[in-house]
PDB file of all heavy atoms in Angstrom:
ATOM      1  N   GLY A   1     -41.083-299.933  88.768  1.00  0.00           N
ATOM      2  CA  GLY A   1     -39.758-299.405  89.059  1.00  0.00           C
ATOM      3  C   GLY A   1     -38.760-300.423  89.570  1.00  0.00           C
ATOM      4  O   GLY A   1     -37.592-300.080  89.796  1.00  0.00           O
ATOM      5  N   GLU A   2     -39.171-301.691  89.755  1.00  0.00           N
ATOM      6  CA  GLU A   2     -38.232-302.685  90.257  1.00  0.00           C
ATOM      7  C   GLU A   2     -37.221-303.053  89.181  1.00  0.00           C
ATOM      8  O   GLU A   2     -37.529-303.126  88.000  1.00  0.00           O
ATOM      9  CB  GLU A   2     -38.990-303.920  90.747  1.00  0.00           C
ATOM     10  CG  GLU A   2     -39.837-303.628  91.974  1.00  0.00           C
ATOM     11  CD  GLU A   2     -40.364-304.885  92.629  1.00  0.00           C
ATOM     12  OE1 GLU A   2     -39.916-305.987  92.246  1.00  0.00           O
ATOM     13  OE2 GLU A   2     -41.211-304.767  93.540  1.00  0.00           O
ATOM     14  N   SER A   3     -35.996-303.318  89.600  1.00  0.00           N
ATOM     15  CA  SER A   3     -34.851-303.377  88.690  1.00  0.00           C
ATOM     16  C   SER A   3     -34.936-304.485  87.651  1.00  0.00           C
ATOM     17  O   SER A   3     -34.388-304.340  86.551  1.00  0.00           O
ATOM     18  CB  SER A   3     -33.555-303.533  89.493  1.00  0.00           C
ATOM     19  OG  SER A   3     -33.601-304.717  90.277  1.00  0.00           O
ATOM     20  N   GLN A   4     -35.631-305.610  87.939  1.00  0.00           N
ATOM     21  CA  GLN A   4     -35.607-306.722  86.996  1.00  0.00           C
ATOM     22  C   GLN A   4     -36.321-306.412  85.683  1.00  0.00           C
ATOM     23  O   GLN A   4     -36.112-307.076  84.684  1.00  0.00           O
ATOM     24  CB  GLN A   4     -36.196-307.992  87.626  1.00  0.00           C
ATOM     25  CG  GLN A   4     -37.684-307.912  87.955  1.00  0.00           C
ATOM     26  CD  GLN A   4     -37.918-307.508  89.390  1.00  0.00           C
ATOM     27  OE1 GLN A   4     -37.117-306.759  89.947  1.00  0.00           O
ATOM     28  NE2 GLN A   4     -38.991-308.012  89.982  1.00  0.00           N
ATOM     29  N   HIS A   5     -37.184-305.398  85.680  1.00  0.00           N
ATOM     30  CA  HIS A   5     -37.834-305.005  84.429  1.00  0.00           C
ATOM     31  C   HIS A   5     -37.867-303.479  84.289  1.00  0.00           C
ATOM     32  O   HIS A   5     -38.847-302.907  83.832  1.00  0.00           O
ATOM     33  CB  HIS A   5     -39.251-305.592  84.324  1.00  0.00           C
ATOM     34  CG  HIS A   5     -40.051-305.492  85.584  1.00  0.00           C
ATOM     35  ND1 HIS A   5     -40.341-304.299  86.198  1.00  0.00           N
ATOM     36  CD2 HIS A   5     -40.604-306.465  86.347  1.00  0.00           C
ATOM     37  CE1 HIS A   5     -41.060-304.520  87.278  1.00  0.00           C
ATOM     38  NE2 HIS A   5     -41.228-305.837  87.400  1.00  0.00           N
ATOM     39  N   ASN A   6     -36.779-302.852  84.704  1.00  0.00           N
ATOM     40  CA  ASN A   6     -36.677-301.404  84.547  1.00  0.00           C
ATOM     41  C   ASN A   6     -35.284-301.029  84.030  1.00  0.00           C
ATOM     42  O   ASN A   6     -34.297-301.222  84.737  1.00  0.00           O
ATOM     43  CB  ASN A   6     -36.931-300.697  85.881  1.00  0.00           C
ATOM     44  CG  ASN A   6     -37.205-299.218  85.702  1.00  0.00           C
ATOM     45  OD1 ASN A   6     -37.621-298.777  84.631  1.00  0.00           O
ATOM     46  ND2 ASN A   6     -36.965-298.449  86.740  1.00  0.00           N
ATOM     47  N   PRO A   7     -35.173-300.590  82.776  1.00  0.00           N
ATOM     48  CA  PRO A   7     -36.304-300.293  81.884  1.00  0.00           C
ATOM     49  C   PRO A   7     -36.888-301.564  81.262  1.00  0.00           C
ATOM     50  O   PRO A   7     -36.202-302.572  81.138  1.00  0.00           O
ATOM     51  CB  PRO A   7     -35.655-299.433  80.807  1.00  0.00           C
ATOM     52  CG  PRO A   7     -34.263-299.966  80.703  1.00  0.00           C
ATOM     53  CD  PRO A   7     -33.873-300.290  82.130  1.00  0.00           C
ATOM     54  N   LEU A   8     -38.157-301.463  80.850  1.00  0.00           N
ATOM     55  CA  LEU A   8     -38.773-302.504  80.033  1.00  0.00           C
ATOM     56  C   LEU A   8     -38.619-302.069  78.583  1.00  0.00           C
ATOM     57  O   LEU A   8     -39.043-300.976  78.208  1.00  0.00           O
ATOM     58  CB  LEU A   8     -40.250-302.677  80.389  1.00  0.00           C
ATOM     59  CG  LEU A   8     -41.037-303.642  79.492  1.00  0.00           C
ATOM     60  CD1 LEU A   8     -40.442-305.038  79.513  1.00  0.00           C
ATOM     61  CD2 LEU A   8     -42.510-303.667  79.916  1.00  0.00           C
ATOM     62  N   PHE A   9     -38.011-302.926  77.791  1.00  0.00           N
ATOM     63  CA  PHE A   9     -37.699-302.590  76.395  1.00  0.00           C
ATOM     64  C   PHE A   9     -38.499-303.538  75.490  1.00  0.00           C
ATOM     65  O   PHE A   9     -38.233-304.743  75.450  1.00  0.00           O
ATOM     66  CB  PHE A   9     -36.192-302.745  76.146  1.00  0.00           C
ATOM     67  CG  PHE A   9     -35.698-302.101  74.888  1.00  0.00           C
ATOM     68  CD1 PHE A   9     -35.076-300.863  74.911  1.00  0.00           C
ATOM     69  CD2 PHE A   9     -35.853-302.737  73.662  1.00  0.00           C
ATOM     70  CE1 PHE A   9     -34.607-300.275  73.747  1.00  0.00           C
ATOM     71  CE2 PHE A   9     -35.390-302.157  72.491  1.00  0.00           C
ATOM     72  CZ  PHE A   9     -34.768-300.919  72.538  1.00  0.00           C
ATOM     73  N   LEU A  10     -39.501-302.996  74.784  1.00  0.00           N
ATOM     74  CA  LEU A  10     -40.311-303.773  73.846  1.00  0.00           C
ATOM     75  C   LEU A  10     -39.780-303.552  72.438  1.00  0.00           C
ATOM     76  O   LEU A  10     -39.641-302.406  72.005  1.00  0.00           O
ATOM     77  CB  LEU A  10     -41.782-303.344  73.916  1.00  0.00           C
ATOM     78  CG  LEU A  10     -42.461-303.425  75.286  1.00  0.00           C
ATOM     79  CD1 LEU A  10     -43.878-302.877  75.207  1.00  0.00           C
ATOM     80  CD2 LEU A  10     -42.458-304.851  75.815  1.00  0.00           C
ATOM     81  N   TYR A  11     -39.478-304.628  71.727  1.00  0.00           N
ATOM     82  CA  TYR A  11     -38.916-304.464  70.384  1.00  0.00           C
ATOM     83  C   TYR A  11     -39.612-305.391  69.390  1.00  0.00           C
ATOM     84  O   TYR A  11     -40.162-306.432  69.747  1.00  0.00           O
ATOM     85  CB  TYR A  11     -37.409-304.724  70.391  1.00  0.00           C
ATOM     86  CG  TYR A  11     -37.017-306.153  70.703  1.00  0.00           C
ATOM     87  CD1 TYR A  11     -36.818-307.083  69.687  1.00  0.00           C
ATOM     88  CD2 TYR A  11     -36.848-306.580  72.024  1.00  0.00           C
ATOM     89  CE1 TYR A  11     -36.466-308.401  69.976  1.00  0.00           C
ATOM     90  CE2 TYR A  11     -36.501-307.891  72.316  1.00  0.00           C
ATOM     91  CZ  TYR A  11     -36.311-308.791  71.296  1.00  0.00           C
ATOM     92  OH  TYR A  11     -35.975-310.090  71.571  1.00  0.00           O
ATOM     93  N   GLY A  12     -39.569-304.979  68.139  1.00  0.00           N
ATOM     94  CA  GLY A  12     -40.174-305.764  67.064  1.00  0.00           C
ATOM     95  C   GLY A  12     -40.579-304.857  65.924  1.00  0.00           C
ATOM     96  O   GLY A  12     -40.553-303.621  66.051  1.00  0.00           O
ATOM     97  N   PRO A  13     -40.962-305.436  64.783  1.00  0.00           N
ATOM     98  CA  PRO A  13     -41.344-304.635  63.619  1.00  0.00           C
ATOM     99  C   PRO A  13     -42.519-303.711  63.922  1.00  0.00           C
ATOM    100  O   PRO A  13     -43.256-303.891  64.897  1.00  0.00           O
ATOM    101  CB  PRO A  13     -41.735-305.697  62.574  1.00  0.00           C
ATOM    102  CG  PRO A  13     -41.043-306.944  63.020  1.00  0.00           C
ATOM    103  CD  PRO A  13     -41.004-306.885  64.521  1.00  0.00           C
ATOM    104  N   THR A  14     -42.710-302.729  63.071  1.00  0.00           N
ATOM    105  CA  THR A  14     -43.775-301.746  63.268  1.00  0.00           C
ATOM    106  C   THR A  14     -45.150-302.379  63.129  1.00  0.00           C
ATOM    107  O   THR A  14     -45.338-303.363  62.413  1.00  0.00           O
ATOM    108  CB  THR A  14     -43.627-300.595  62.255  1.00  0.00           C
ATOM    109  OG1 THR A  14     -44.630-299.597  62.521  1.00  0.00           O
ATOM    110  CG2 THR A  14     -43.807-301.080  60.828  1.00  0.00           C
ATOM    111  N   GLY A  15     -46.114-301.792  63.854  1.00  0.00           N
ATOM    112  CA  GLY A  15     -47.500-302.196  63.692  1.00  0.00           C
ATOM    113  C   GLY A  15     -47.918-303.454  64.410  1.00  0.00           C
ATOM    114  O   GLY A  15     -48.935-304.053  64.060  1.00  0.00           O
ATOM    115  N   LEU A  16     -47.179-303.872  65.451  1.00  0.00           N
ATOM    116  CA  LEU A  16     -47.509-305.128  66.140  1.00  0.00           C
ATOM    117  C   LEU A  16     -48.108-304.913  67.524  1.00  0.00           C
ATOM    118  O   LEU A  16     -48.372-305.878  68.227  1.00  0.00           O
ATOM    119  CB  LEU A  16     -46.264-306.005  66.254  1.00  0.00           C
ATOM    120  CG  LEU A  16     -45.614-306.429  64.933  1.00  0.00           C
ATOM    121  CD1 LEU A  16     -44.447-307.368  65.195  1.00  0.00           C
ATOM    122  CD2 LEU A  16     -46.637-307.099  64.019  1.00  0.00           C
ATOM    123  N   GLY A  17     -48.304-303.665  67.938  1.00  0.00           N
ATOM    124  CA  GLY A  17     -48.958-303.409  69.215  1.00  0.00           C
ATOM    125  C   GLY A  17     -48.060-302.968  70.342  1.00  0.00           C
ATOM    126  O   GLY A  17     -48.488-302.931  71.498  1.00  0.00           O
ATOM    127  N   LYS A  18     -46.815-302.611  70.051  1.00  0.00           N
ATOM    128  CA  LYS A  18     -45.903-302.176  71.118  1.00  0.00           C
ATOM    129  C   LYS A  18     -46.421-300.889  71.777  1.00  0.00           C
ATOM    130  O   LYS A  18     -46.412-300.768  73.003  1.00  0.00           O
ATOM    131  CB  LYS A  18     -44.493-301.954  70.549  1.00  0.00           C
ATOM    132  CG  LYS A  18     -43.869-303.184  69.915  1.00  0.00           C
ATOM    133  CD  LYS A  18     -42.425-302.957  69.524  1.00  0.00           C
ATOM    134  CE  LYS A  18     -42.249-301.841  68.501  1.00  0.00           C
ATOM    135  NZ  LYS A  18     -42.877-302.152  67.198  1.00  0.00           N
ATOM    136  N   THR A  19     -46.863-299.938  70.966  1.00  0.00           N
ATOM    137  CA  THR A  19     -47.388-298.684  71.503  1.00  0.00           C
ATOM    138  C   THR A  19     -48.651-298.940  72.318  1.00  0.00           C
ATOM    139  O   THR A  19     -48.838-298.345  73.392  1.00  0.00           O
ATOM    140  CB  THR A  19     -47.700-297.703  70.361  1.00  0.00           C
ATOM    141  OG1 THR A  19     -46.495-297.430  69.631  1.00  0.00           O
ATOM    142  CG2 THR A  19     -48.262-296.396  70.898  1.00  0.00           C
ATOM    143  N   HIS A  20     -49.511-299.818  71.837  1.00  0.00           N
ATOM    144  CA  HIS A  20     -50.730-300.161  72.567  1.00  0.00           C
ATOM    145  C   HIS A  20     -50.369-300.690  73.953  1.00  0.00           C
ATOM    146  O   HIS A  20     -50.947-300.257  74.968  1.00  0.00           O
ATOM    147  CB  HIS A  20     -51.515-301.213  71.771  1.00  0.00           C
ATOM    148  CG  HIS A  20     -52.872-301.520  72.338  1.00  0.00           C
ATOM    149  ND1 HIS A  20     -53.972-301.697  71.546  1.00  0.00           N
ATOM    150  CD2 HIS A  20     -53.309-301.697  73.615  1.00  0.00           C
ATOM    151  CE1 HIS A  20     -55.027-301.956  72.308  1.00  0.00           C
ATOM    152  NE2 HIS A  20     -54.637-301.972  73.574  1.00  0.00           N
ATOM    153  N   LEU A  21     -49.422-301.618  74.013  1.00  0.00           N
ATOM    154  CA  LEU A  21     -49.060-302.216  75.298  1.00  0.00           C
ATOM    155  C   LEU A  21     -48.454-301.197  76.262  1.00  0.00           C
ATOM    156  O   LEU A  21     -48.806-301.160  77.445  1.00  0.00           O
ATOM    157  CB  LEU A  21     -48.074-303.361  75.071  1.00  0.00           C
ATOM    158  CG  LEU A  21     -48.680-304.712  74.706  1.00  0.00           C
ATOM    159  CD1 LEU A  21     -47.581-305.735  74.436  1.00  0.00           C
ATOM    160  CD2 LEU A  21     -49.603-305.212  75.820  1.00  0.00           C
ATOM    161  N   MET A  22     -47.525-300.381  75.780  1.00  0.00           N
ATOM    162  CA  MET A  22     -46.883-299.429  76.694  1.00  0.00           C
ATOM    163  C   MET A  22     -47.899-298.410  77.209  1.00  0.00           C
ATOM    164  O   MET A  22     -47.881-298.041  78.382  1.00  0.00           O
ATOM    165  CB  MET A  22     -45.669-298.737  76.049  1.00  0.00           C
ATOM    166  CG  MET A  22     -45.994-297.760  74.958  1.00  0.00           C
ATOM    167  SD  MET A  22     -44.759-296.420  74.717  1.00  0.00           S
ATOM    168  CE  MET A  22     -43.205-297.180  75.016  1.00  0.00           C
ATOM    169  N   GLN A  23     -48.826-297.977  76.334  1.00  0.00           N
ATOM    170  CA  GLN A  23     -49.830-297.022  76.789  1.00  0.00           C
ATOM    171  C   GLN A  23     -50.870-297.689  77.691  1.00  0.00           C
ATOM    172  O   GLN A  23     -51.463-297.039  78.555  1.00  0.00           O
ATOM    173  CB  GLN A  23     -50.508-296.365  75.596  1.00  0.00           C
ATOM    174  CG  GLN A  23     -49.597-295.414  74.839  1.00  0.00           C
ATOM    175  CD  GLN A  23     -50.364-294.394  74.023  1.00  0.00           C
ATOM    176  OE1 GLN A  23     -51.477-294.023  74.354  1.00  0.00           O
ATOM    177  NE2 GLN A  23     -49.754-293.928  72.949  1.00  0.00           N
ATOM    178  N   ALA A  24     -51.090-298.993  77.503  1.00  0.00           N
ATOM    179  CA  ALA A  24     -51.996-299.717  78.395  1.00  0.00           C
ATOM    180  C   ALA A  24     -51.482-299.670  79.827  1.00  0.00           C
ATOM    181  O   ALA A  24     -52.268-299.574  80.785  1.00  0.00           O
ATOM    182  CB  ALA A  24     -52.155-301.164  77.931  1.00  0.00           C
ATOM    183  N   VAL A  25     -50.159-299.750  80.000  1.00  0.00           N
ATOM    184  CA  VAL A  25     -49.566-299.625  81.339  1.00  0.00           C
ATOM    185  C   VAL A  25     -49.876-298.252  81.913  1.00  0.00           C
ATOM    186  O   VAL A  25     -50.294-298.119  83.072  1.00  0.00           O
ATOM    187  CB  VAL A  25     -48.046-299.856  81.294  1.00  0.00           C
ATOM    188  CG1 VAL A  25     -47.434-299.638  82.676  1.00  0.00           C
ATOM    189  CG2 VAL A  25     -47.723-301.256  80.797  1.00  0.00           C
ATOM    190  N   GLY A  26     -49.683-297.215  81.092  1.00  0.00           N
ATOM    191  CA  GLY A  26     -49.964-295.856  81.557  1.00  0.00           C
ATOM    192  C   GLY A  26     -51.426-295.653  81.917  1.00  0.00           C
ATOM    193  O   GLY A  26     -51.756-295.062  82.963  1.00  0.00           O
ATOM    194  N   ASN A  27     -52.326-296.130  81.064  1.00  0.00           N
ATOM    195  CA  ASN A  27     -53.757-295.987  81.344  1.00  0.00           C
ATOM    196  C   ASN A  27     -54.161-296.735  82.612  1.00  0.00           C
ATOM    197  O   ASN A  27     -54.950-296.237  83.420  1.00  0.00           O
ATOM    198  CB  ASN A  27     -54.573-296.496  80.153  1.00  0.00           C
ATOM    199  CG  ASN A  27     -54.675-295.463  79.034  1.00  0.00           C
ATOM    200  OD1 ASN A  27     -54.892-294.286  79.298  1.00  0.00           O
ATOM    201  ND2 ASN A  27     -54.524-295.900  77.802  1.00  0.00           N
ATOM    202  N   ALA A  28     -53.624-297.952  82.785  1.00  0.00           N
ATOM    203  CA  ALA A  28     -53.959-298.739  83.972  1.00  0.00           C
ATOM    204  C   ALA A  28     -53.421-298.083  85.247  1.00  0.00           C
ATOM    205  O   ALA A  28     -54.086-298.071  86.288  1.00  0.00           O
ATOM    206  CB  ALA A  28     -53.406-300.154  83.828  1.00  0.00           C
ATOM    207  N   LEU A  29     -52.211-297.525  85.164  1.00  0.00           N
ATOM    208  CA  LEU A  29     -51.628-296.865  86.332  1.00  0.00           C
ATOM    209  C   LEU A  29     -52.465-295.652  86.735  1.00  0.00           C
ATOM    210  O   LEU A  29     -52.749-295.435  87.918  1.00  0.00           O
ATOM    211  CB  LEU A  29     -50.183-296.436  86.036  1.00  0.00           C
ATOM    212  CG  LEU A  29     -49.483-295.641  87.142  1.00  0.00           C
ATOM    213  CD1 LEU A  29     -49.409-296.467  88.430  1.00  0.00           C
ATOM    214  CD2 LEU A  29     -48.087-295.217  86.701  1.00  0.00           C
ATOM    215  N   LEU A  30     -52.888-294.865  85.742  1.00  0.00           N
ATOM    216  CA  LEU A  30     -53.676-293.675  86.052  1.00  0.00           C
ATOM    217  C   LEU A  30     -55.080-294.035  86.536  1.00  0.00           C
ATOM    218  O   LEU A  30     -55.691-293.270  87.287  1.00  0.00           O
ATOM    219  CB  LEU A  30     -53.752-292.773  84.823  1.00  0.00           C
ATOM    220  CG  LEU A  30     -52.461-291.986  84.568  1.00  0.00           C
ATOM    221  CD1 LEU A  30     -52.428-291.416  83.173  1.00  0.00           C
ATOM    222  CD2 LEU A  30     -52.313-290.872  85.591  1.00  0.00           C
ATOM    223  N   GLN A  31     -55.579-295.170  86.107  1.00  0.00           N
ATOM    224  CA  GLN A  31     -56.875-295.614  86.619  1.00  0.00           C
ATOM    225  C   GLN A  31     -56.761-295.975  88.097  1.00  0.00           C
ATOM    226  O   GLN A  31     -57.650-295.673  88.898  1.00  0.00           O
ATOM    227  CB  GLN A  31     -57.370-296.814  85.824  1.00  0.00           C
ATOM    228  CG  GLN A  31     -58.781-297.261  86.216  1.00  0.00           C
ATOM    229  CD  GLN A  31     -59.288-298.379  85.338  1.00  0.00           C
ATOM    230  OE1 GLN A  31     -58.500-299.100  84.733  1.00  0.00           O
ATOM    231  NE2 GLN A  31     -60.589-298.533  85.261  1.00  0.00           N
ATOM    232  N   ALA A  32     -55.655-296.626  88.452  1.00  0.00           N
ATOM    233  CA  ALA A  32     -55.448-297.030  89.848  1.00  0.00           C
ATOM    234  C   ALA A  32     -54.983-295.857  90.713  1.00  0.00           C
ATOM    235  O   ALA A  32     -55.369-295.742  91.878  1.00  0.00           O
ATOM    236  CB  ALA A  32     -54.428-298.159  89.914  1.00  0.00           C
ATOM    237  N   LYS A  33     -54.138-294.984  90.124  1.00  0.00           N
ATOM    238  CA  LYS A  33     -53.582-293.842  90.869  1.00  0.00           C
ATOM    239  C   LYS A  33     -53.713-292.585  90.018  1.00  0.00           C
ATOM    240  O   LYS A  33     -52.785-292.223  89.269  1.00  0.00           O
ATOM    241  CB  LYS A  33     -52.112-294.102  91.202  1.00  0.00           C
ATOM    242  CG  LYS A  33     -51.885-295.332  92.082  1.00  0.00           C
ATOM    243  CD  LYS A  33     -50.400-295.546  92.352  1.00  0.00           C
ATOM    244  CE  LYS A  33     -50.158-296.759  93.227  1.00  0.00           C
ATOM    245  NZ  LYS A  33     -48.705-296.991  93.465  1.00  0.00           N
ATOM    246  N   PRO A  34     -54.846-291.893  90.093  1.00  0.00           N
ATOM    247  CA  PRO A  34     -55.094-290.723  89.231  1.00  0.00           C
ATOM    248  C   PRO A  34     -54.054-289.620  89.356  1.00  0.00           C
ATOM    249  O   PRO A  34     -53.896-288.815  88.439  1.00  0.00           O
ATOM    250  CB  PRO A  34     -56.479-290.240  89.690  1.00  0.00           C
ATOM    251  CG  PRO A  34     -57.121-291.461  90.264  1.00  0.00           C
ATOM    252  CD  PRO A  34     -56.013-292.229  90.924  1.00  0.00           C
ATOM    253  N   ASN A  35     -53.330-289.558  90.469  1.00  0.00           N
ATOM    254  CA  ASN A  35     -52.339-288.501  90.650  1.00  0.00           C
ATOM    255  C   ASN A  35     -50.945-288.886  90.145  1.00  0.00           C
ATOM    256  O   ASN A  35     -49.999-288.104  90.278  1.00  0.00           O
ATOM    257  CB  ASN A  35     -52.246-288.113  92.126  1.00  0.00           C
ATOM    258  CG  ASN A  35     -53.503-287.401  92.603  1.00  0.00           C
ATOM    259  OD1 ASN A  35     -54.073-286.602  91.866  1.00  0.00           O
ATOM    260  ND2 ASN A  35     -53.936-287.693  93.816  1.00  0.00           N
ATOM    261  N   ALA A  36     -50.805-290.081  89.608  1.00  0.00           N
ATOM    262  CA  ALA A  36     -49.498-290.498  89.086  1.00  0.00           C
ATOM    263  C   ALA A  36     -49.079-289.588  87.941  1.00  0.00           C
ATOM    264  O   ALA A  36     -49.900-289.121  87.150  1.00  0.00           O
ATOM    265  CB  ALA A  36     -49.565-291.946  88.616  1.00  0.00           C
TER     266      ALA A  36
END
């Protein structure tokens, strides 16, 4: 939530792993904080 990278905007052609990376953040956050 800190301003220097909020929002974080990932861009590039399809199929390069943008969805994987953004969901990796979500999975890691829920692993650390299950109630997030």
